[in-house]
Amino acid sequence: MLYLTRKIGESVIINDNIEVTVIDIRGKSIKLGFTFPTDATVLRREIFERIQAENRAAAAGGETLAQAMKNRGQPGRGPFKGDSKPSD
């Protein structure tokens, strides 16, 4: 991790196109200003982590659904109680 000391009004440049400027400092709180390309995505860490967790849950649910669909029609392997291969 990189640690920098900046004063109000000072900036850092990231990848030639993202600028982070210290706007204000009050006690333990720092207000930052960001200038970045319109195609960049910026999220607070807690939101990013929530999205990642939801994506993992959705992917796991999709795998469960895919397995249930694969097992459908196999005697005794259907996803629902009583599922079995139709009799002739």
PDB file of N, CA and C in Angstrom:
ATOM      1  N   MET A   1       0.849  -1.171   0.000  1.00  0.00           N
ATOM      2  CA  MET A   1       0.000   0.000   0.000  1.00  0.00           C
ATOM      3  C   MET A   1       0.896   1.235   0.000  1.00  0.00           C
ATOM      4  N   LEU A   2       0.500   2.213  -0.758  1.00  0.00           N
ATOM      5  CA  LEU A   2       1.240   3.469  -0.845  1.00  0.00           C
ATOM      6  C   LEU A   2       0.625   4.479   0.113  1.00  0.00           C
ATOM      7  N   TYR A   3       1.440   5.122   0.926  1.00  0.00           N
ATOM      8  CA  TYR A   3       0.987   6.176   1.833  1.00  0.00           C
ATOM      9  C   TYR A   3       1.534   7.503   1.346  1.00  0.00           C
ATOM     10  N   LEU A   4       0.686   8.505   1.252  1.00  0.00           N
ATOM     11  CA  LEU A   4       1.090   9.834   0.818  1.00  0.00           C
ATOM     12  C   LEU A   4       0.591  10.863   1.820  1.00  0.00           C
ATOM     13  N   THR A   5       1.318  11.934   1.924  1.00  0.00           N
ATOM     14  CA  THR A   5       0.862  13.070   2.723  1.00  0.00           C
ATOM     15  C   THR A   5       0.514  14.189   1.753  1.00  0.00           C
ATOM     16  N   ARG A   6      -0.706  14.696   1.841  1.00  0.00           N
ATOM     17  CA  ARG A   6      -1.177  15.769   0.979  1.00  0.00           C
ATOM     18  C   ARG A   6      -1.864  16.804   1.837  1.00  0.00           C
ATOM     19  N   LYS A   7      -1.803  18.038   1.435  1.00  0.00           N
ATOM     20  CA  LYS A   7      -2.492  19.134   2.110  1.00  0.00           C
ATOM     21  C   LYS A   7      -3.719  19.523   1.294  1.00  0.00           C
ATOM     22  N   ILE A   8      -4.590  20.318   1.891  1.00  0.00           N
ATOM     23  CA  ILE A   8      -5.781  20.783   1.177  1.00  0.00           C
ATOM     24  C   ILE A   8      -5.352  21.447  -0.127  1.00  0.00           C
ATOM     25  N   GLY A   9      -6.010  21.055  -1.217  1.00  0.00           N
ATOM     26  CA  GLY A   9      -5.716  21.591  -2.538  1.00  0.00           C
ATOM     27  C   GLY A   9      -4.678  20.800  -3.310  1.00  0.00           C
ATOM     28  N   GLU A  10      -3.962  19.893  -2.652  1.00  0.00           N
ATOM     29  CA  GLU A  10      -2.964  19.085  -3.345  1.00  0.00           C
ATOM     30  C   GLU A  10      -3.605  17.820  -3.897  1.00  0.00           C
ATOM     31  N   SER A  11      -3.001  17.298  -4.966  1.00  0.00           N
ATOM     32  CA  SER A  11      -3.576  16.154  -5.689  1.00  0.00           C
ATOM     33  C   SER A  11      -2.564  15.058  -5.907  1.00  0.00           C
ATOM     34  N   VAL A  12      -3.053  13.910  -6.331  1.00  0.00           N
ATOM     35  CA  VAL A  12      -2.248  12.824  -6.882  1.00  0.00           C
ATOM     36  C   VAL A  12      -2.902  12.423  -8.197  1.00  0.00           C
ATOM     37  N   ILE A  13      -2.105  11.962  -9.132  1.00  0.00           N
ATOM     38  CA  ILE A  13      -2.583  11.513 -10.435  1.00  0.00           C
ATOM     39  C   ILE A  13      -2.352  10.011 -10.520  1.00  0.00           C
ATOM     40  N   ILE A  14      -3.378   9.281 -10.964  1.00  0.00           N
ATOM     41  CA  ILE A  14      -3.305   7.827 -11.101  1.00  0.00           C
ATOM     42  C   ILE A  14      -3.553   7.479 -12.570  1.00  0.00           C
ATOM     43  N   ASN A  15      -2.670   6.675 -13.153  1.00  0.00           N
ATOM     44  CA  ASN A  15      -2.799   6.227 -14.544  1.00  0.00           C
ATOM     45  C   ASN A  15      -3.011   7.362 -15.538  1.00  0.00           C
ATOM     46  N   ASP A  16      -2.430   8.472 -15.319  1.00  0.00           N
ATOM     47  CA  ASP A  16      -2.482   9.620 -16.230  1.00  0.00           C
ATOM     48  C   ASP A  16      -3.861  10.234 -16.430  1.00  0.00           C
ATOM     49  N   ASN A  17      -4.925   9.637 -15.883  1.00  0.00           N
ATOM     50  CA  ASN A  17      -6.261  10.181 -16.162  1.00  0.00           C
ATOM     51  C   ASN A  17      -7.197  10.215 -14.959  1.00  0.00           C
ATOM     52  N   ILE A  18      -6.703   9.904 -13.789  1.00  0.00           N
ATOM     53  CA  ILE A  18      -7.512   9.992 -12.576  1.00  0.00           C
ATOM     54  C   ILE A  18      -6.783  10.917 -11.607  1.00  0.00           C
ATOM     55  N   GLU A  19      -7.472  11.959 -11.175  1.00  0.00           N
ATOM     56  CA  GLU A  19      -6.885  12.904 -10.233  1.00  0.00           C
ATOM     57  C   GLU A  19      -7.679  12.874  -8.939  1.00  0.00           C
ATOM     58  N   VAL A  20      -6.975  12.741  -7.822  1.00  0.00           N
ATOM     59  CA  VAL A  20      -7.589  12.755  -6.499  1.00  0.00           C
ATOM     60  C   VAL A  20      -7.042  13.978  -5.768  1.00  0.00           C
ATOM     61  N   THR A  21      -7.956  14.855  -5.336  1.00  0.00           N
ATOM     62  CA  THR A  21      -7.568  16.107  -4.687  1.00  0.00           C
ATOM     63  C   THR A  21      -8.127  16.148  -3.275  1.00  0.00           C
ATOM     64  N   VAL A  22      -7.317  16.585  -2.317  1.00  0.00           N
ATOM     65  CA  VAL A  22      -7.787  16.795  -0.951  1.00  0.00           C
ATOM     66  C   VAL A  22      -8.562  18.108  -0.947  1.00  0.00           C
ATOM     67  N   ILE A  23      -9.851  18.048  -0.611  1.00  0.00           N
ATOM     68  CA  ILE A  23     -10.725  19.219  -0.628  1.00  0.00           C
ATOM     69  C   ILE A  23     -10.822  19.856   0.755  1.00  0.00           C
ATOM     70  N   ASP A  24     -10.964  19.005   1.789  1.00  0.00           N
ATOM     71  CA  ASP A  24     -11.162  19.534   3.131  1.00  0.00           C
ATOM     72  C   ASP A  24     -10.724  18.494   4.152  1.00  0.00           C
ATOM     73  N   ILE A  25     -10.283  18.955   5.305  1.00  0.00           N
ATOM     74  CA  ILE A  25      -9.927  18.076   6.420  1.00  0.00           C
ATOM     75  C   ILE A  25     -10.599  18.636   7.663  1.00  0.00           C
ATOM     76  N   ARG A  26     -11.415  17.805   8.310  1.00  0.00           N
ATOM     77  CA  ARG A  26     -12.090  18.208   9.554  1.00  0.00           C
ATOM     78  C   ARG A  26     -11.974  17.069  10.554  1.00  0.00           C
ATOM     79  N   GLY A  27     -11.136  17.249  11.540  1.00  0.00           N
ATOM     80  CA  GLY A  27     -10.937  16.199  12.544  1.00  0.00           C
ATOM     81  C   GLY A  27     -10.366  14.955  11.888  1.00  0.00           C
ATOM     82  N   LYS A  28     -11.089  13.841  12.019  1.00  0.00           N
ATOM     83  CA  LYS A  28     -10.641  12.567  11.440  1.00  0.00           C
ATOM     84  C   LYS A  28     -11.245  12.312  10.070  1.00  0.00           C
ATOM     85  N   SER A  29     -11.928  13.291   9.508  1.00  0.00           N
ATOM     86  CA  SER A  29     -12.603  13.124   8.228  1.00  0.00           C
ATOM     87  C   SER A  29     -11.909  13.944   7.137  1.00  0.00           C
ATOM     88  N   ILE A  30     -11.715  13.326   5.993  1.00  0.00           N
ATOM     89  CA  ILE A  30     -11.089  13.989   4.853  1.00  0.00           C
ATOM     90  C   ILE A  30     -12.073  13.958   3.691  1.00  0.00           C
ATOM     91  N   LYS A  31     -12.261  15.094   3.043  1.00  0.00           N
ATOM     92  CA  LYS A  31     -13.108  15.166   1.863  1.00  0.00           C
ATOM     93  C   LYS A  31     -12.193  15.149   0.643  1.00  0.00           C
ATOM     94  N   LEU A  32     -12.425  14.183  -0.242  1.00  0.00           N
ATOM     95  CA  LEU A  32     -11.623  14.033  -1.445  1.00  0.00           C
ATOM     96  C   LEU A  32     -12.458  14.382  -2.663  1.00  0.00           C
ATOM     97  N   GLY A  33     -11.834  14.950  -3.668  1.00  0.00           N
ATOM     98  CA  GLY A  33     -12.473  15.197  -4.954  1.00  0.00           C
ATOM     99  C   GLY A  33     -11.798  14.338  -6.005  1.00  0.00           C
ATOM    100  N   PHE A  34     -12.581  13.761  -6.909  1.00  0.00           N
ATOM    101  CA  PHE A  34     -12.059  12.869  -7.939  1.00  0.00           C
ATOM    102  C   PHE A  34     -12.405  13.413  -9.317  1.00  0.00           C
ATOM    103  N   THR A  35     -11.441  13.421 -10.192  1.00  0.00           N
ATOM    104  CA  THR A  35     -11.669  13.712 -11.600  1.00  0.00           C
ATOM    105  C   THR A  35     -11.224  12.462 -12.352  1.00  0.00           C
ATOM    106  N   PHE A  36     -12.143  11.880 -13.144  1.00  0.00           N
ATOM    107  CA  PHE A  36     -11.835  10.620 -13.814  1.00  0.00           C
ATOM    108  C   PHE A  36     -12.657  10.500 -15.090  1.00  0.00           C
ATOM    109  N   PRO A  37     -12.264   9.588 -15.992  1.00  0.00           N
ATOM    110  CA  PRO A  37     -12.998   9.405 -17.245  1.00  0.00           C
ATOM    111  C   PRO A  37     -14.429   8.926 -16.985  1.00  0.00           C
ATOM    112  N   THR A  38     -15.332   9.277 -17.878  1.00  0.00           N
ATOM    113  CA  THR A  38     -16.739   8.901 -17.699  1.00  0.00           C
ATOM    114  C   THR A  38     -16.953   7.393 -17.755  1.00  0.00           C
ATOM    115  N   ASP A  39     -16.039   6.639 -18.380  1.00  0.00           N
ATOM    116  CA  ASP A  39     -16.213   5.184 -18.457  1.00  0.00           C
ATOM    117  C   ASP A  39     -15.653   4.461 -17.234  1.00  0.00           C
ATOM    118  N   ALA A  40     -15.064   5.191 -16.292  1.00  0.00           N
ATOM    119  CA  ALA A  40     -14.530   4.576 -15.075  1.00  0.00           C
ATOM    120  C   ALA A  40     -15.661   4.337 -14.076  1.00  0.00           C
ATOM    121  N   THR A  41     -15.535   3.277 -13.303  1.00  0.00           N
ATOM    122  CA  THR A  41     -16.499   2.958 -12.261  1.00  0.00           C
ATOM    123  C   THR A  41     -15.862   3.269 -10.909  1.00  0.00           C
ATOM    124  N   VAL A  42     -16.589   4.010 -10.082  1.00  0.00           N
ATOM    125  CA  VAL A  42     -16.097   4.359  -8.756  1.00  0.00           C
ATOM    126  C   VAL A  42     -17.165   3.966  -7.745  1.00  0.00           C
ATOM    127  N   LEU A  43     -16.796   3.116  -6.799  1.00  0.00           N
ATOM    128  CA  LEU A  43     -17.721   2.659  -5.764  1.00  0.00           C
ATOM    129  C   LEU A  43     -17.044   2.733  -4.403  1.00  0.00           C
ATOM    130  N   ARG A  44     -17.835   3.021  -3.366  1.00  0.00           N
ATOM    131  CA  ARG A  44     -17.314   2.890  -2.008  1.00  0.00           C
ATOM    132  C   ARG A  44     -17.045   1.405  -1.768  1.00  0.00           C
ATOM    133  N   ARG A  45     -16.019   1.095  -0.977  1.00  0.00           N
ATOM    134  CA  ARG A  45     -15.637  -0.304  -0.770  1.00  0.00           C
ATOM    135  C   ARG A  45     -16.804  -1.158  -0.285  1.00  0.00           C
ATOM    136  N   GLU A  46     -17.610  -0.655   0.659  1.00  0.00           N
ATOM    137  CA  GLU A  46     -18.702  -1.473   1.200  1.00  0.00           C
ATOM    138  C   GLU A  46     -19.737  -1.808   0.128  1.00  0.00           C
ATOM    139  N   ILE A  47     -19.961  -0.900  -0.811  1.00  0.00           N
ATOM    140  CA  ILE A  47     -20.896  -1.171  -1.909  1.00  0.00           C
ATOM    141  C   ILE A  47     -20.275  -2.187  -2.861  1.00  0.00           C
ATOM    142  N   PHE A  48     -19.001  -2.006  -3.198  1.00  0.00           N
ATOM    143  CA  PHE A  48     -18.291  -2.940  -4.064  1.00  0.00           C
ATOM    144  C   PHE A  48     -18.342  -4.354  -3.489  1.00  0.00           C
ATOM    145  N   GLU A  49     -18.061  -4.489  -2.190  1.00  0.00           N
ATOM    146  CA  GLU A  49     -18.067  -5.812  -1.553  1.00  0.00           C
ATOM    147  C   GLU A  49     -19.457  -6.430  -1.553  1.00  0.00           C
ATOM    148  N   ARG A  50     -20.506  -5.614  -1.338  1.00  0.00           N
ATOM    149  CA  ARG A  50     -21.872  -6.128  -1.369  1.00  0.00           C
ATOM    150  C   ARG A  50     -22.222  -6.643  -2.773  1.00  0.00           C
ATOM    151  N   ILE A  51     -21.847  -5.904  -3.796  1.00  0.00           N
ATOM    152  CA  ILE A  51     -22.108  -6.327  -5.178  1.00  0.00           C
ATOM    153  C   ILE A  51     -21.381  -7.630  -5.474  1.00  0.00           C
ATOM    154  N   GLN A  52     -20.122  -7.728  -5.045  1.00  0.00           N
ATOM    155  CA  GLN A  52     -19.361  -8.952  -5.268  1.00  0.00           C
ATOM    156  C   GLN A  52     -20.020 -10.148  -4.579  1.00  0.00           C
ATOM    157  N   ALA A  53     -20.477  -9.971  -3.346  1.00  0.00           N
ATOM    158  CA  ALA A  53     -21.143 -11.057  -2.610  1.00  0.00           C
ATOM    159  C   ALA A  53     -22.438 -11.469  -3.313  1.00  0.00           C
ATOM    160  N   GLU A  54     -23.214 -10.489  -3.783  1.00  0.00           N
ATOM    161  CA  GLU A  54     -24.454 -10.793  -4.494  1.00  0.00           C
ATOM    162  C   GLU A  54     -24.168 -11.519  -5.803  1.00  0.00           C
ATOM    163  N   ASN A  55     -23.102 -11.125  -6.498  1.00  0.00           N
ATOM    164  CA  ASN A  55     -22.727 -11.810  -7.738  1.00  0.00           C
ATOM    165  C   ASN A  55     -22.320 -13.252  -7.473  1.00  0.00           C
ATOM    166  N   ARG A  56     -21.556 -13.473  -6.388  1.00  0.00           N
ATOM    167  CA  ARG A  56     -21.170 -14.845  -6.046  1.00  0.00           C
ATOM    168  C   ARG A  56     -22.400 -15.678  -5.703  1.00  0.00           C
ATOM    169  N   ALA A  57     -23.334 -15.098  -4.946  1.00  0.00           N
ATOM    170  CA  ALA A  57     -24.553 -15.822  -4.574  1.00  0.00           C
ATOM    171  C   ALA A  57     -25.386 -16.148  -5.812  1.00  0.00           C
ATOM    172  N   ALA A  58     -25.481 -15.194  -6.729  1.00  0.00           N
ATOM    173  CA  ALA A  58     -26.253 -15.426  -7.954  1.00  0.00           C
ATOM    174  C   ALA A  58     -25.602 -16.516  -8.803  1.00  0.00           C
ATOM    175  N   ALA A  59     -24.271 -16.506  -8.878  1.00  0.00           N
ATOM    176  CA  ALA A  59     -23.565 -17.525  -9.650  1.00  0.00           C
ATOM    177  C   ALA A  59     -23.772 -18.896  -9.025  1.00  0.00           C
ATOM    178  N   ALA A  60     -23.723 -18.970  -7.703  1.00  0.00           N
ATOM    179  CA  ALA A  60     -23.940 -20.243  -7.012  1.00  0.00           C
ATOM    180  C   ALA A  60     -25.372 -20.715  -7.232  1.00  0.00           C
ATOM    181  N   GLY A  61     -26.319 -19.794  -7.198  1.00  0.00           N
ATOM    182  CA  GLY A  61     -27.718 -20.145  -7.447  1.00  0.00           C
ATOM    183  C   GLY A  61     -27.920 -20.633  -8.868  1.00  0.00           C
ATOM    184  N   GLY A  62     -27.217 -20.035  -9.805  1.00  0.00           N
ATOM    185  CA  GLY A  62     -27.298 -20.455 -11.207  1.00  0.00           C
ATOM    186  C   GLY A  62     -26.761 -21.862 -11.391  1.00  0.00           C
ATOM    187  N   GLU A  63     -25.669 -22.180 -10.672  1.00  0.00           N
ATOM    188  CA  GLU A  63     -25.109 -23.530 -10.741  1.00  0.00           C
ATOM    189  C   GLU A  63     -26.096 -24.537 -10.164  1.00  0.00           C
ATOM    190  N   THR A  64     -26.759 -24.172  -9.069  1.00  0.00           N
ATOM    191  CA  THR A  64     -27.751 -25.054  -8.456  1.00  0.00           C
ATOM    192  C   THR A  64     -28.909 -25.282  -9.409  1.00  0.00           C
ATOM    193  N   LEU A  65     -29.379 -24.210 -10.051  1.00  0.00           N
ATOM    194  CA  LEU A  65     -30.473 -24.323 -11.010  1.00  0.00           C
ATOM    195  C   LEU A  65     -30.056 -25.179 -12.195  1.00  0.00           C
ATOM    196  N   ALA A  66     -28.834 -24.968 -12.702  1.00  0.00           N
ATOM    197  CA  ALA A  66     -28.352 -25.756 -13.836  1.00  0.00           C
ATOM    198  C   ALA A  66     -28.294 -27.235 -13.468  1.00  0.00           C
ATOM    199  N   GLN A  67     -27.817 -27.551 -12.262  1.00  0.00           N
ATOM    200  CA  GLN A  67     -27.747 -28.947 -11.824  1.00  0.00           C
ATOM    201  C   GLN A  67     -29.147 -29.526 -11.678  1.00  0.00           C
ATOM    202  N   ALA A  68     -30.081 -28.736 -11.142  1.00  0.00           N
ATOM    203  CA  ALA A  68     -31.462 -29.207 -10.993  1.00  0.00           C
ATOM    204  C   ALA A  68     -32.075 -29.491 -12.357  1.00  0.00           C
ATOM    205  N   MET A  69     -31.811 -28.623 -13.328  1.00  0.00           N
ATOM    206  CA  MET A  69     -32.348 -28.833 -14.671  1.00  0.00           C
ATOM    207  C   MET A  69     -31.710 -30.058 -15.314  1.00  0.00           C
ATOM    208  N   LYS A  70     -30.436 -30.274 -15.071  1.00  0.00           N
ATOM    209  CA  LYS A  70     -29.737 -31.437 -15.613  1.00  0.00           C
ATOM    210  C   LYS A  70     -30.319 -32.718 -15.025  1.00  0.00           C
ATOM    211  N   ASN A  71     -30.613 -32.694 -13.713  1.00  0.00           N
ATOM    212  CA  ASN A  71     -31.130 -33.880 -13.030  1.00  0.00           C
ATOM    213  C   ASN A  71     -32.600 -34.132 -13.340  1.00  0.00           C
ATOM    214  N   ARG A  72     -33.293 -33.135 -13.816  1.00  0.00           N
ATOM    215  CA  ARG A  72     -34.725 -33.264 -14.110  1.00  0.00           C
ATOM    216  C   ARG A  72     -34.901 -34.358 -15.155  1.00  0.00           C
ATOM    217  N   GLY A  73     -35.817 -35.229 -14.919  1.00  0.00           N
ATOM    218  CA  GLY A  73     -36.066 -36.306 -15.869  1.00  0.00           C
ATOM    219  C   GLY A  73     -35.284 -37.564 -15.555  1.00  0.00           C
ATOM    220  N   GLN A  74     -34.363 -37.506 -14.615  1.00  0.00           N
ATOM    221  CA  GLN A  74     -33.651 -38.703 -14.201  1.00  0.00           C
ATOM    222  C   GLN A  74     -34.386 -39.272 -12.992  1.00  0.00           C
ATOM    223  N   PRO A  75     -34.802 -40.528 -13.036  1.00  0.00           N
ATOM    224  CA  PRO A  75     -35.573 -41.105 -11.928  1.00  0.00           C
ATOM    225  C   PRO A  75     -34.872 -40.915 -10.588  1.00  0.00           C
ATOM    226  N   GLY A  76     -35.624 -40.380  -9.636  1.00  0.00           N
ATOM    227  CA  GLY A  76     -35.118 -40.213  -8.287  1.00  0.00           C
ATOM    228  C   GLY A  76     -34.103 -39.084  -8.135  1.00  0.00           C
ATOM    229  N   ARG A  77     -33.849 -38.307  -9.197  1.00  0.00           N
ATOM    230  CA  ARG A  77     -32.830 -37.260  -9.122  1.00  0.00           C
ATOM    231  C   ARG A  77     -33.422 -35.885  -9.380  1.00  0.00           C
ATOM    232  N   GLY A  78     -34.732 -35.796  -9.519  1.00  0.00           N
ATOM    233  CA  GLY A  78     -35.351 -34.505  -9.804  1.00  0.00           C
ATOM    234  C   GLY A  78     -35.208 -33.544  -8.642  1.00  0.00           C
ATOM    235  N   PRO A  79     -35.366 -32.251  -8.892  1.00  0.00           N
ATOM    236  CA  PRO A  79     -35.179 -31.257  -7.848  1.00  0.00           C
ATOM    237  C   PRO A  79     -36.338 -31.144  -6.876  1.00  0.00           C
ATOM    238  N   PHE A  80     -37.483 -31.778  -7.203  1.00  0.00           N
ATOM    239  CA  PHE A  80     -38.652 -31.643  -6.354  1.00  0.00           C
ATOM    240  C   PHE A  80     -39.099 -33.008  -5.840  1.00  0.00           C
ATOM    241  N   LYS A  81     -39.656 -32.997  -4.625  1.00  0.00           N
ATOM    242  CA  LYS A  81     -40.140 -34.227  -4.008  1.00  0.00           C
ATOM    243  C   LYS A  81     -41.146 -34.897  -4.943  1.00  0.00           C
ATOM    244  N   GLY A  82     -40.975 -36.173  -5.171  1.00  0.00           N
ATOM    245  CA  GLY A  82     -41.900 -36.895  -6.003  1.00  0.00           C
ATOM    246  C   GLY A  82     -41.521 -36.866  -7.478  1.00  0.00           C
ATOM    247  N   ASP A  83     -40.514 -36.118  -7.846  1.00  0.00           N
ATOM    248  CA  ASP A  83     -40.090 -36.094  -9.241  1.00  0.00           C
ATOM    249  C   ASP A  83     -39.593 -37.454  -9.645  1.00  0.00           C
ATOM    250  N   SER A  84     -39.999 -37.885 -10.754  1.00  0.00           N
ATOM    251  CA  SER A  84     -39.497 -39.142 -11.309  1.00  0.00           C
ATOM    252  C   SER A  84     -39.762 -39.108 -12.801  1.00  0.00           C
ATOM    253  N   LYS A  85     -39.209 -40.088 -13.499  1.00  0.00           N
ATOM    254  CA  LYS A  85     -39.401 -40.186 -14.939  1.00  0.00           C
ATOM    255  C   LYS A  85     -40.843 -40.578 -15.207  1.00  0.00           C
ATOM    256  N   PRO A  86     -41.499 -39.902 -16.153  1.00  0.00           N
ATOM    257  CA  PRO A  86     -42.901 -40.260 -16.442  1.00  0.00           C
ATOM    258  C   PRO A  86     -43.003 -41.717 -16.880  1.00  0.00           C
ATOM    259  N   SER A  87     -44.069 -42.358 -16.423  1.00  0.00           N
ATOM    260  CA  SER A  87     -44.273 -43.760 -16.799  1.00  0.00           C
ATOM    261  C   SER A  87     -44.966 -43.823 -18.149  1.00  0.00           C
ATOM    262  N   ASP A  88     -44.750 -44.943 -18.846  1.00  0.00           N
ATOM    263  CA  ASP A  88     -45.369 -45.140 -20.174  1.00  0.00           C
ATOM    264  C   ASP A  88     -46.749 -45.724 -20.061  1.00  0.00           C
TER     265      ASP A  88
END
